Amino acid sequence: MKDSLMRARGQIRPIDSEQYNSRNSSAHVELLVDPGSTHSLIELSRLPLIVQKQIALFRENKSTPNNLNIRLHGETSITTLNKTETQECFSVMLMVQLGQWHGECEFIVLESMVNEKAILGADFMKRHQATLSFIENKQSITVARQSAAISFCRAAKSYTVPANSEIHI
């Protein structure tokens, strides 16, 4: 698909935002909305700095020092069309804001991702009853039966999203 992938600009932050009131507690991200991905994924470098630091502490101590709900999944196989890669990965619950809508999402945190740096997958869509619409060549998303005013953006260049991509946890 040339320049037609559905992407939304959003913001992510820890769920308990009162505990984190600094500039480092949120991050603006471009999210690929991909119902073909079984899980929501994010590259470690795209997380708010405070979350990156908590994951580093978690790696050292293997305990969660706060309520971020960081979980270690260990060595995880990530399969795309051409290859299977193994990475140590974590999951973390974050608050996602898309336009005026906001809700929780569990992201699988990977050290690195190839093309996309953040993906809202089928798990997000199912949990929040999200649907995509391409009526009249306009892209929109409805989340939890509320139409969200979301800024969609087009890709700067063409990407081929590999078919049959999956993640095993």
C-alpha atoms as a PDB file:
ATOM      1  CA  MET A   1       0.000   0.000   0.000  1.00  0.00           C
ATOM      2  CA  LYS A   2       1.593   3.216  -1.063  1.00  0.00           C
ATOM      3  CA  ASP A   3       1.156   5.988   1.508  1.00  0.00           C
ATOM      4  CA  SER A   4      -2.160   4.593   2.692  1.00  0.00           C
ATOM      5  CA  LEU A   5      -1.316   2.983   6.011  1.00  0.00           C
ATOM      6  CA  MET A   6      -3.545   4.225   8.799  1.00  0.00           C
ATOM      7  CA  ARG A   7      -1.469   6.123  11.319  1.00  0.00           C
ATOM      8  CA  ALA A   8      -2.627   8.265  14.197  1.00  0.00           C
ATOM      9  CA  ARG A   9      -0.731  10.839  16.171  1.00  0.00           C
ATOM     10  CA  GLY A  10      -1.198  10.273  19.852  1.00  0.00           C
ATOM     11  CA  GLN A  11       0.279  10.658  23.285  1.00  0.00           C
ATOM     12  CA  ILE A  12       1.236   7.968  25.781  1.00  0.00           C
ATOM     13  CA  ARG A  13       1.852   8.256  29.510  1.00  0.00           C
ATOM     14  CA  PRO A  14       1.771   6.180  32.702  1.00  0.00           C
ATOM     15  CA  ILE A  15      -1.750   5.391  33.876  1.00  0.00           C
ATOM     16  CA  ASP A  16      -1.232   7.053  37.281  1.00  0.00           C
ATOM     17  CA  SER A  17      -0.350  10.467  35.879  1.00  0.00           C
ATOM     18  CA  GLU A  18      -0.548  12.211  39.261  1.00  0.00           C
ATOM     19  CA  GLN A  19       2.504  10.244  40.343  1.00  0.00           C
ATOM     20  CA  TYR A  20       4.440  11.525  37.322  1.00  0.00           C
ATOM     21  CA  ASN A  21       4.084  15.251  36.678  1.00  0.00           C
ATOM     22  CA  SER A  22       7.272  16.020  34.780  1.00  0.00           C
ATOM     23  CA  ARG A  23       7.865  16.627  31.084  1.00  0.00           C
ATOM     24  CA  ASN A  24       9.449  13.169  30.970  1.00  0.00           C
ATOM     25  CA  SER A  25       6.188  11.450  31.884  1.00  0.00           C
ATOM     26  CA  SER A  26       4.552  11.564  28.447  1.00  0.00           C
ATOM     27  CA  ALA A  27       5.598  11.122  24.831  1.00  0.00           C
ATOM     28  CA  HIS A  28       4.057  12.044  21.500  1.00  0.00           C
ATOM     29  CA  VAL A  29       4.065   9.080  19.132  1.00  0.00           C
ATOM     30  CA  GLU A  30       2.916   8.157  15.667  1.00  0.00           C
ATOM     31  CA  LEU A  31       0.990   4.892  15.934  1.00  0.00           C
ATOM     32  CA  LEU A  32       0.288   2.489  13.113  1.00  0.00           C
ATOM     33  CA  VAL A  33      -3.274   1.206  13.557  1.00  0.00           C
ATOM     34  CA  ASP A  34      -2.933  -2.426  12.477  1.00  0.00           C
ATOM     35  CA  PRO A  35      -5.711  -4.903  13.301  1.00  0.00           C
ATOM     36  CA  GLY A  36      -3.562  -7.559  11.617  1.00  0.00           C
ATOM     37  CA  SER A  37      -1.037  -7.353  14.462  1.00  0.00           C
ATOM     38  CA  THR A  38      -2.089  -9.586  17.347  1.00  0.00           C
ATOM     39  CA  HIS A  39      -0.470  -7.335  19.969  1.00  0.00           C
ATOM     40  CA  SER A  40       0.205  -3.634  20.453  1.00  0.00           C
ATOM     41  CA  LEU A  41       3.931  -3.045  20.190  1.00  0.00           C
ATOM     42  CA  ILE A  42       6.258  -0.151  20.938  1.00  0.00           C
ATOM     43  CA  GLU A  43       9.985   0.398  20.631  1.00  0.00           C
ATOM     44  CA  LEU A  44      11.699   1.141  23.951  1.00  0.00           C
ATOM     45  CA  SER A  45      13.090   4.473  22.687  1.00  0.00           C
ATOM     46  CA  ARG A  46       9.536   5.755  21.967  1.00  0.00           C
ATOM     47  CA  LEU A  47       8.377   5.399  25.585  1.00  0.00           C
ATOM     48  CA  PRO A  48       8.259   8.377  27.951  1.00  0.00           C
ATOM     49  CA  LEU A  49      11.662   8.809  29.613  1.00  0.00           C
ATOM     50  CA  ILE A  50      10.262   7.996  33.074  1.00  0.00           C
ATOM     51  CA  VAL A  51       8.982   4.636  31.760  1.00  0.00           C
ATOM     52  CA  GLN A  52      12.321   3.877  30.097  1.00  0.00           C
ATOM     53  CA  LYS A  53      14.043   4.490  33.446  1.00  0.00           C
ATOM     54  CA  GLN A  54      11.586   2.243  35.309  1.00  0.00           C
ATOM     55  CA  ILE A  55      12.170  -0.550  32.791  1.00  0.00           C
ATOM     56  CA  ALA A  56      15.943  -0.177  33.310  1.00  0.00           C
ATOM     57  CA  LEU A  57      15.405  -0.490  37.084  1.00  0.00           C
ATOM     58  CA  PHE A  58      13.145  -3.472  36.530  1.00  0.00           C
ATOM     59  CA  ARG A  59      15.854  -5.152  34.427  1.00  0.00           C
ATOM     60  CA  GLU A  60      18.338  -4.703  37.277  1.00  0.00           C
ATOM     61  CA  ASN A  61      16.071  -5.681  40.192  1.00  0.00           C
ATOM     62  CA  LYS A  62      13.371  -7.825  38.511  1.00  0.00           C
ATOM     63  CA  SER A  63      10.759  -6.026  40.584  1.00  0.00           C
ATOM     64  CA  THR A  64       8.377  -3.221  39.717  1.00  0.00           C
ATOM     65  CA  PRO A  65       9.170  -0.153  41.841  1.00  0.00           C
ATOM     66  CA  ASN A  66       5.826   1.501  41.048  1.00  0.00           C
ATOM     67  CA  ASN A  67       2.429   0.833  39.561  1.00  0.00           C
ATOM     68  CA  LEU A  68       3.490   0.673  35.912  1.00  0.00           C
ATOM     69  CA  ASN A  69       2.675  -3.044  35.829  1.00  0.00           C
ATOM     70  CA  ILE A  70       5.905  -3.911  34.034  1.00  0.00           C
ATOM     71  CA  ARG A  71       6.067  -7.613  33.238  1.00  0.00           C
ATOM     72  CA  LEU A  72       8.994  -9.552  31.832  1.00  0.00           C
ATOM     73  CA  HIS A  73       8.105 -11.923  29.004  1.00  0.00           C
ATOM     74  CA  GLY A  74      11.672 -13.130  28.543  1.00  0.00           C
ATOM     75  CA  GLU A  75      12.961 -14.242  25.190  1.00  0.00           C
ATOM     76  CA  THR A  76      10.165 -13.692  22.693  1.00  0.00           C
ATOM     77  CA  SER A  77       9.966 -14.842  19.078  1.00  0.00           C
ATOM     78  CA  ILE A  78       8.787 -12.193  16.653  1.00  0.00           C
ATOM     79  CA  THR A  79       7.870 -13.573  13.245  1.00  0.00           C
ATOM     80  CA  THR A  80       7.426 -11.503  10.113  1.00  0.00           C
ATOM     81  CA  LEU A  81       7.224 -12.606   6.514  1.00  0.00           C
ATOM     82  CA  ASN A  82      10.945 -13.209   6.014  1.00  0.00           C
ATOM     83  CA  LYS A  83      12.435 -13.986   9.407  1.00  0.00           C
ATOM     84  CA  THR A  84      11.984 -14.894  13.035  1.00  0.00           C
ATOM     85  CA  GLU A  85      13.869 -12.833  15.573  1.00  0.00           C
ATOM     86  CA  THR A  86      14.223 -13.390  19.310  1.00  0.00           C
ATOM     87  CA  GLN A  87      14.312 -10.443  21.721  1.00  0.00           C
ATOM     88  CA  GLU A  88      13.912  -9.995  25.444  1.00  0.00           C
ATOM     89  CA  CYS A  89      10.707  -8.063  25.856  1.00  0.00           C
ATOM     90  CA  PHE A  90       8.506  -6.536  28.514  1.00  0.00           C
ATOM     91  CA  SER A  91       4.928  -5.380  28.626  1.00  0.00           C
ATOM     92  CA  VAL A  92       3.669  -2.220  30.262  1.00  0.00           C
ATOM     93  CA  MET A  93       0.198  -0.698  30.706  1.00  0.00           C
ATOM     94  CA  LEU A  94       0.031   2.878  29.463  1.00  0.00           C
ATOM     95  CA  MET A  95      -2.621   5.505  28.904  1.00  0.00           C
ATOM     96  CA  VAL A  96      -3.059   6.309  25.202  1.00  0.00           C
ATOM     97  CA  GLN A  97      -4.645   9.557  24.059  1.00  0.00           C
ATOM     98  CA  LEU A  98      -5.970   9.848  20.512  1.00  0.00           C
ATOM     99  CA  GLY A  99      -7.604  13.215  19.954  1.00  0.00           C
ATOM    100  CA  GLN A 100     -10.059  13.702  22.841  1.00  0.00           C
ATOM    101  CA  TRP A 101     -10.322   9.971  23.542  1.00  0.00           C
ATOM    102  CA  HIS A 102      -8.051   8.227  26.051  1.00  0.00           C
ATOM    103  CA  GLY A 103      -7.839   4.693  27.373  1.00  0.00           C
ATOM    104  CA  GLU A 104      -5.467   2.018  28.626  1.00  0.00           C
ATOM    105  CA  CYS A 105      -3.350  -0.169  26.376  1.00  0.00           C
ATOM    106  CA  GLU A 106      -0.891  -2.940  27.162  1.00  0.00           C
ATOM    107  CA  PHE A 107       2.163  -2.550  24.950  1.00  0.00           C
ATOM    108  CA  ILE A 108       4.788  -5.197  24.322  1.00  0.00           C
ATOM    109  CA  VAL A 109       8.061  -3.245  24.618  1.00  0.00           C
ATOM    110  CA  LEU A 110      10.783  -4.305  22.210  1.00  0.00           C
ATOM    111  CA  GLU A 111      14.383  -3.135  22.120  1.00  0.00           C
ATOM    112  CA  SER A 112      14.115  -2.369  18.426  1.00  0.00           C
ATOM    113  CA  MET A 113      11.550  -2.524  15.659  1.00  0.00           C
ATOM    114  CA  VAL A 114      12.253  -2.370  11.925  1.00  0.00           C
ATOM    115  CA  ASN A 115       9.836   0.032  10.160  1.00  0.00           C
ATOM    116  CA  GLU A 116       7.167   0.989  12.650  1.00  0.00           C
ATOM    117  CA  LYS A 117       8.046   2.272  16.120  1.00  0.00           C
ATOM    118  CA  ALA A 118       4.579   1.913  17.683  1.00  0.00           C
ATOM    119  CA  ILE A 119       1.615  -0.255  16.653  1.00  0.00           C
ATOM    120  CA  LEU A 120      -1.935  -0.422  18.010  1.00  0.00           C
ATOM    121  CA  GLY A 121      -2.916  -4.017  17.327  1.00  0.00           C
ATOM    122  CA  ALA A 122      -5.982  -6.231  17.458  1.00  0.00           C
ATOM    123  CA  ASP A 123      -5.741  -6.449  21.269  1.00  0.00           C
ATOM    124  CA  PHE A 124      -6.309  -2.674  21.496  1.00  0.00           C
ATOM    125  CA  MET A 125      -9.097  -2.744  18.923  1.00  0.00           C
ATOM    126  CA  LYS A 126     -10.927  -5.570  20.692  1.00  0.00           C
ATOM    127  CA  ARG A 127     -10.541  -4.135  24.208  1.00  0.00           C
ATOM    128  CA  HIS A 128     -11.862  -0.716  23.171  1.00  0.00           C
ATOM    129  CA  GLN A 129     -14.341  -1.887  20.510  1.00  0.00           C
ATOM    130  CA  ALA A 130     -12.475   0.165  17.912  1.00  0.00           C
ATOM    131  CA  THR A 131     -13.459   0.109  14.264  1.00  0.00           C
ATOM    132  CA  LEU A 132     -11.793   1.621  11.226  1.00  0.00           C
ATOM    133  CA  SER A 133     -13.654   3.365   8.432  1.00  0.00           C
ATOM    134  CA  PHE A 134     -12.511   4.230   4.923  1.00  0.00           C
ATOM    135  CA  ILE A 135     -15.784   5.756   3.736  1.00  0.00           C
ATOM    136  CA  GLU A 136     -15.440   8.533   1.152  1.00  0.00           C
ATOM    137  CA  ASN A 137     -11.646   8.096   1.138  1.00  0.00           C
ATOM    138  CA  LYS A 138     -11.453   9.476   4.659  1.00  0.00           C
ATOM    139  CA  GLN A 139      -9.801   7.445   7.371  1.00  0.00           C
ATOM    140  CA  SER A 140     -11.389   7.503  10.805  1.00  0.00           C
ATOM    141  CA  ILE A 141     -11.475   5.391  13.930  1.00  0.00           C
ATOM    142  CA  THR A 142     -14.308   4.855  16.376  1.00  0.00           C
ATOM    143  CA  VAL A 143     -13.205   3.791  19.843  1.00  0.00           C
ATOM    144  CA  ALA A 144     -15.618   2.527  22.508  1.00  0.00           C
ATOM    145  CA  ARG A 145     -18.520   3.693  20.339  1.00  0.00           C
ATOM    146  CA  GLN A 146     -17.203   7.272  20.424  1.00  0.00           C
ATOM    147  CA  SER A 147     -15.968   8.802  17.224  1.00  0.00           C
ATOM    148  CA  ALA A 148     -12.548  10.162  18.042  1.00  0.00           C
ATOM    149  CA  ALA A 149     -11.305  13.241  16.254  1.00  0.00           C
ATOM    150  CA  ILE A 150      -7.915  11.835  15.341  1.00  0.00           C
ATOM    151  CA  SER A 151      -5.224  13.367  13.205  1.00  0.00           C
ATOM    152  CA  PHE A 152      -4.252  10.769  10.672  1.00  0.00           C
ATOM    153  CA  CYS A 153      -0.983  11.170   8.895  1.00  0.00           C
ATOM    154  CA  ARG A 154       0.387   9.641   5.768  1.00  0.00           C
ATOM    155  CA  ALA A 155       3.668   7.800   5.522  1.00  0.00           C
ATOM    156  CA  ALA A 156       6.617   9.824   4.298  1.00  0.00           C
ATOM    157  CA  LYS A 157       7.527   6.888   2.086  1.00  0.00           C
ATOM    158  CA  SER A 158       6.033   3.564   1.072  1.00  0.00           C
ATOM    159  CA  TYR A 159       6.247   0.557   3.359  1.00  0.00           C
ATOM    160  CA  THR A 160       5.371  -3.024   2.750  1.00  0.00           C
ATOM    161  CA  VAL A 161       3.834  -4.467   5.879  1.00  0.00           C
ATOM    162  CA  PRO A 162       4.746  -8.157   5.826  1.00  0.00           C
ATOM    163  CA  ALA A 163       1.795 -10.515   5.625  1.00  0.00           C
ATOM    164  CA  ASN A 164       1.491 -13.234   8.251  1.00  0.00           C
ATOM    165  CA  SER A 165       3.422 -11.266  10.877  1.00  0.00           C
ATOM    166  CA  GLU A 166       2.928 -12.618  14.385  1.00  0.00           C
ATOM    167  CA  ILE A 167       4.374 -12.513  17.874  1.00  0.00           C
ATOM    168  CA  HIS A 168       4.524 -15.432  20.317  1.00  0.00           C
ATOM    169  CA  ILE A 169       4.499 -14.739  24.051  1.00  0.00           C
END
